[in-house]
Amino acid sequence: MNGKQPIRAVSLDETALTLDELARACAVDPGWVVHRVRTGILLGGTEAAPEAWRFTSVDLVRARSLLRIERDFDANEEVAALVVDLTEEVRRLRRRLRAAGL
């Protein structure tokens, strides 16, 4: 062996994160995540118990984006969610334009 350790990773698309795992991945208190789920900003809002929540890699990216906007711009959660939604929409539209050859 050349002394290099193989990189081992688990695809988040195959493994969903729990509430505590998502909170740790974002370096926030689980209450931060719970509040954003209950207000519909994450997971589209759900009535299920927090122990049953499972988050995908898309949810992780969205949570980190929300956190960054709230922290960097001192934005409240609704403004951060609006910015993230608009940013995602712009990306989606740009992909459609590229796919159409424009």
C-alpha atoms as a PDB file:
ATOM      1  CA  MET A   1       0.000   0.000   0.000  1.00  0.00           C
ATOM      2  CA  ASN A   2       1.243   3.509  -0.715  1.00  0.00           C
ATOM      3  CA  GLY A   3       0.296   4.900   2.726  1.00  0.00           C
ATOM      4  CA  LYS A   4      -2.816   6.651   1.491  1.00  0.00           C
ATOM      5  CA  GLN A   5      -6.039   5.670   3.133  1.00  0.00           C
ATOM      6  CA  PRO A   6      -9.022   5.158   0.856  1.00  0.00           C
ATOM      7  CA  ILE A   7     -11.723   7.751   1.154  1.00  0.00           C
ATOM      8  CA  ARG A   8     -14.923   6.236   2.453  1.00  0.00           C
ATOM      9  CA  ALA A   9     -18.189   8.020   2.144  1.00  0.00           C
ATOM     10  CA  VAL A  10     -21.861   7.291   2.286  1.00  0.00           C
ATOM     11  CA  SER A  11     -24.118   8.920  -0.242  1.00  0.00           C
ATOM     12  CA  LEU A  12     -26.760  10.999   1.477  1.00  0.00           C
ATOM     13  CA  ASP A  13     -29.193  10.014  -1.235  1.00  0.00           C
ATOM     14  CA  GLU A  14     -29.040   6.469   0.113  1.00  0.00           C
ATOM     15  CA  THR A  15     -29.023   7.387   3.794  1.00  0.00           C
ATOM     16  CA  ALA A  16     -31.422   9.906   5.250  1.00  0.00           C
ATOM     17  CA  LEU A  17     -30.337  12.083   8.161  1.00  0.00           C
ATOM     18  CA  THR A  18     -32.200  12.264  11.444  1.00  0.00           C
ATOM     19  CA  LEU A  19     -32.996  15.562  13.143  1.00  0.00           C
ATOM     20  CA  ASP A  20     -29.907  15.366  15.355  1.00  0.00           C
ATOM     21  CA  GLU A  21     -27.642  14.411  12.447  1.00  0.00           C
ATOM     22  CA  LEU A  22     -28.895  17.311  10.336  1.00  0.00           C
ATOM     23  CA  ALA A  23     -28.449  19.713  13.257  1.00  0.00           C
ATOM     24  CA  ARG A  24     -24.887  18.473  13.812  1.00  0.00           C
ATOM     25  CA  ALA A  25     -24.100  18.732  10.084  1.00  0.00           C
ATOM     26  CA  CYS A  26     -25.241  22.351  10.153  1.00  0.00           C
ATOM     27  CA  ALA A  27     -23.656  23.093  13.563  1.00  0.00           C
ATOM     28  CA  VAL A  28     -26.965  24.310  14.979  1.00  0.00           C
ATOM     29  CA  ASP A  29     -29.182  23.362  17.879  1.00  0.00           C
ATOM     30  CA  PRO A  30     -31.906  20.835  16.928  1.00  0.00           C
ATOM     31  CA  GLY A  31     -34.438  23.502  17.923  1.00  0.00           C
ATOM     32  CA  TRP A  32     -33.274  25.593  14.945  1.00  0.00           C
ATOM     33  CA  VAL A  33     -34.221  22.739  12.605  1.00  0.00           C
ATOM     34  CA  VAL A  34     -37.488  21.967  14.418  1.00  0.00           C
ATOM     35  CA  HIS A  35     -38.646  25.574  14.101  1.00  0.00           C
ATOM     36  CA  ARG A  36     -37.914  25.670  10.354  1.00  0.00           C
ATOM     37  CA  VAL A  37     -39.726  22.374   9.778  1.00  0.00           C
ATOM     38  CA  ARG A  38     -42.745  23.489  11.806  1.00  0.00           C
ATOM     39  CA  THR A  39     -42.960  26.732   9.820  1.00  0.00           C
ATOM     40  CA  GLY A  40     -42.699  24.875   6.490  1.00  0.00           C
ATOM     41  CA  ILE A  41     -39.290  26.206   5.523  1.00  0.00           C
ATOM     42  CA  LEU A  42     -37.736  22.725   5.652  1.00  0.00           C
ATOM     43  CA  LEU A  43     -39.438  19.465   4.675  1.00  0.00           C
ATOM     44  CA  GLY A  44     -42.392  21.489   3.446  1.00  0.00           C
ATOM     45  CA  GLY A  45     -43.781  21.390   6.979  1.00  0.00           C
ATOM     46  CA  THR A  46     -44.970  18.165   8.516  1.00  0.00           C
ATOM     47  CA  GLU A  47     -47.213  17.050  11.320  1.00  0.00           C
ATOM     48  CA  ALA A  48     -45.082  13.971  12.051  1.00  0.00           C
ATOM     49  CA  ALA A  49     -43.087  13.731  15.267  1.00  0.00           C
ATOM     50  CA  PRO A  50     -39.497  15.010  15.010  1.00  0.00           C
ATOM     51  CA  GLU A  51     -38.180  11.502  15.715  1.00  0.00           C
ATOM     52  CA  ALA A  52     -39.762  10.368  12.433  1.00  0.00           C
ATOM     53  CA  TRP A  53     -38.264  13.130  10.296  1.00  0.00           C
ATOM     54  CA  ARG A  54     -35.692  12.124   7.701  1.00  0.00           C
ATOM     55  CA  PHE A  55     -33.676  14.622   5.708  1.00  0.00           C
ATOM     56  CA  THR A  56     -32.097  14.118   2.288  1.00  0.00           C
ATOM     57  CA  SER A  57     -28.986  15.699   0.843  1.00  0.00           C
ATOM     58  CA  VAL A  58     -31.246  18.328  -0.750  1.00  0.00           C
ATOM     59  CA  ASP A  59     -32.572  19.218   2.709  1.00  0.00           C
ATOM     60  CA  LEU A  60     -29.002  19.474   4.032  1.00  0.00           C
ATOM     61  CA  VAL A  61     -27.988  21.867   1.260  1.00  0.00           C
ATOM     62  CA  ARG A  62     -31.126  23.946   1.831  1.00  0.00           C
ATOM     63  CA  ALA A  63     -30.586  24.056   5.614  1.00  0.00           C
ATOM     64  CA  ARG A  64     -26.978  25.178   5.184  1.00  0.00           C
ATOM     65  CA  SER A  65     -28.033  27.850   2.683  1.00  0.00           C
ATOM     66  CA  LEU A  66     -30.713  29.127   5.064  1.00  0.00           C
ATOM     67  CA  LEU A  67     -28.243  29.236   7.930  1.00  0.00           C
ATOM     68  CA  ARG A  68     -25.611  31.071   5.874  1.00  0.00           C
ATOM     69  CA  ILE A  69     -28.102  33.733   4.732  1.00  0.00           C
ATOM     70  CA  GLU A  70     -29.522  34.204   8.222  1.00  0.00           C
ATOM     71  CA  ARG A  71     -26.039  34.511   9.724  1.00  0.00           C
ATOM     72  CA  ASP A  72     -24.228  36.507   7.018  1.00  0.00           C
ATOM     73  CA  PHE A  73     -27.018  38.993   6.329  1.00  0.00           C
ATOM     74  CA  ASP A  74     -28.674  38.967   9.738  1.00  0.00           C
ATOM     75  CA  ALA A  75     -31.852  37.958   7.895  1.00  0.00           C
ATOM     76  CA  ASN A  76     -34.899  36.517   9.559  1.00  0.00           C
ATOM     77  CA  GLU A  77     -35.961  33.009   8.582  1.00  0.00           C
ATOM     78  CA  GLU A  78     -38.696  34.098   6.177  1.00  0.00           C
ATOM     79  CA  VAL A  79     -36.350  36.351   4.206  1.00  0.00           C
ATOM     80  CA  ALA A  80     -33.691  33.623   4.147  1.00  0.00           C
ATOM     81  CA  ALA A  81     -36.253  31.115   2.843  1.00  0.00           C
ATOM     82  CA  LEU A  82     -37.350  33.556   0.127  1.00  0.00           C
ATOM     83  CA  VAL A  83     -33.735  34.119  -0.958  1.00  0.00           C
ATOM     84  CA  VAL A  84     -33.064  30.365  -1.059  1.00  0.00           C
ATOM     85  CA  ASP A  85     -36.289  29.724  -3.018  1.00  0.00           C
ATOM     86  CA  LEU A  86     -35.433  32.427  -5.561  1.00  0.00           C
ATOM     87  CA  THR A  87     -31.847  31.196  -5.893  1.00  0.00           C
ATOM     88  CA  GLU A  88     -33.083  27.642  -6.526  1.00  0.00           C
ATOM     89  CA  GLU A  89     -35.559  28.950  -9.124  1.00  0.00           C
ATOM     90  CA  VAL A  90     -32.844  30.906 -10.947  1.00  0.00           C
ATOM     91  CA  ARG A  91     -30.653  27.774 -11.051  1.00  0.00           C
ATOM     92  CA  ARG A  92     -33.565  25.703 -12.369  1.00  0.00           C
ATOM     93  CA  LEU A  93     -34.331  28.235 -15.095  1.00  0.00           C
ATOM     94  CA  ARG A  94     -30.650  28.470 -16.102  1.00  0.00           C
ATOM     95  CA  ARG A  95     -30.519  24.662 -16.443  1.00  0.00           C
ATOM     96  CA  ARG A  96     -33.590  24.781 -18.683  1.00  0.00           C
ATOM     97  CA  LEU A  97     -32.023  27.493 -20.838  1.00  0.00           C
ATOM     98  CA  ARG A  98     -28.800  25.478 -21.183  1.00  0.00           C
ATOM     99  CA  ALA A  99     -30.788  22.339 -22.020  1.00  0.00           C
ATOM    100  CA  ALA A 100     -32.652  24.287 -24.697  1.00  0.00           C
ATOM    101  CA  GLY A 101     -29.325  25.493 -26.128  1.00  0.00           C
ATOM    102  CA  LEU A 102     -29.942  29.129 -25.286  1.00  0.00           C
END
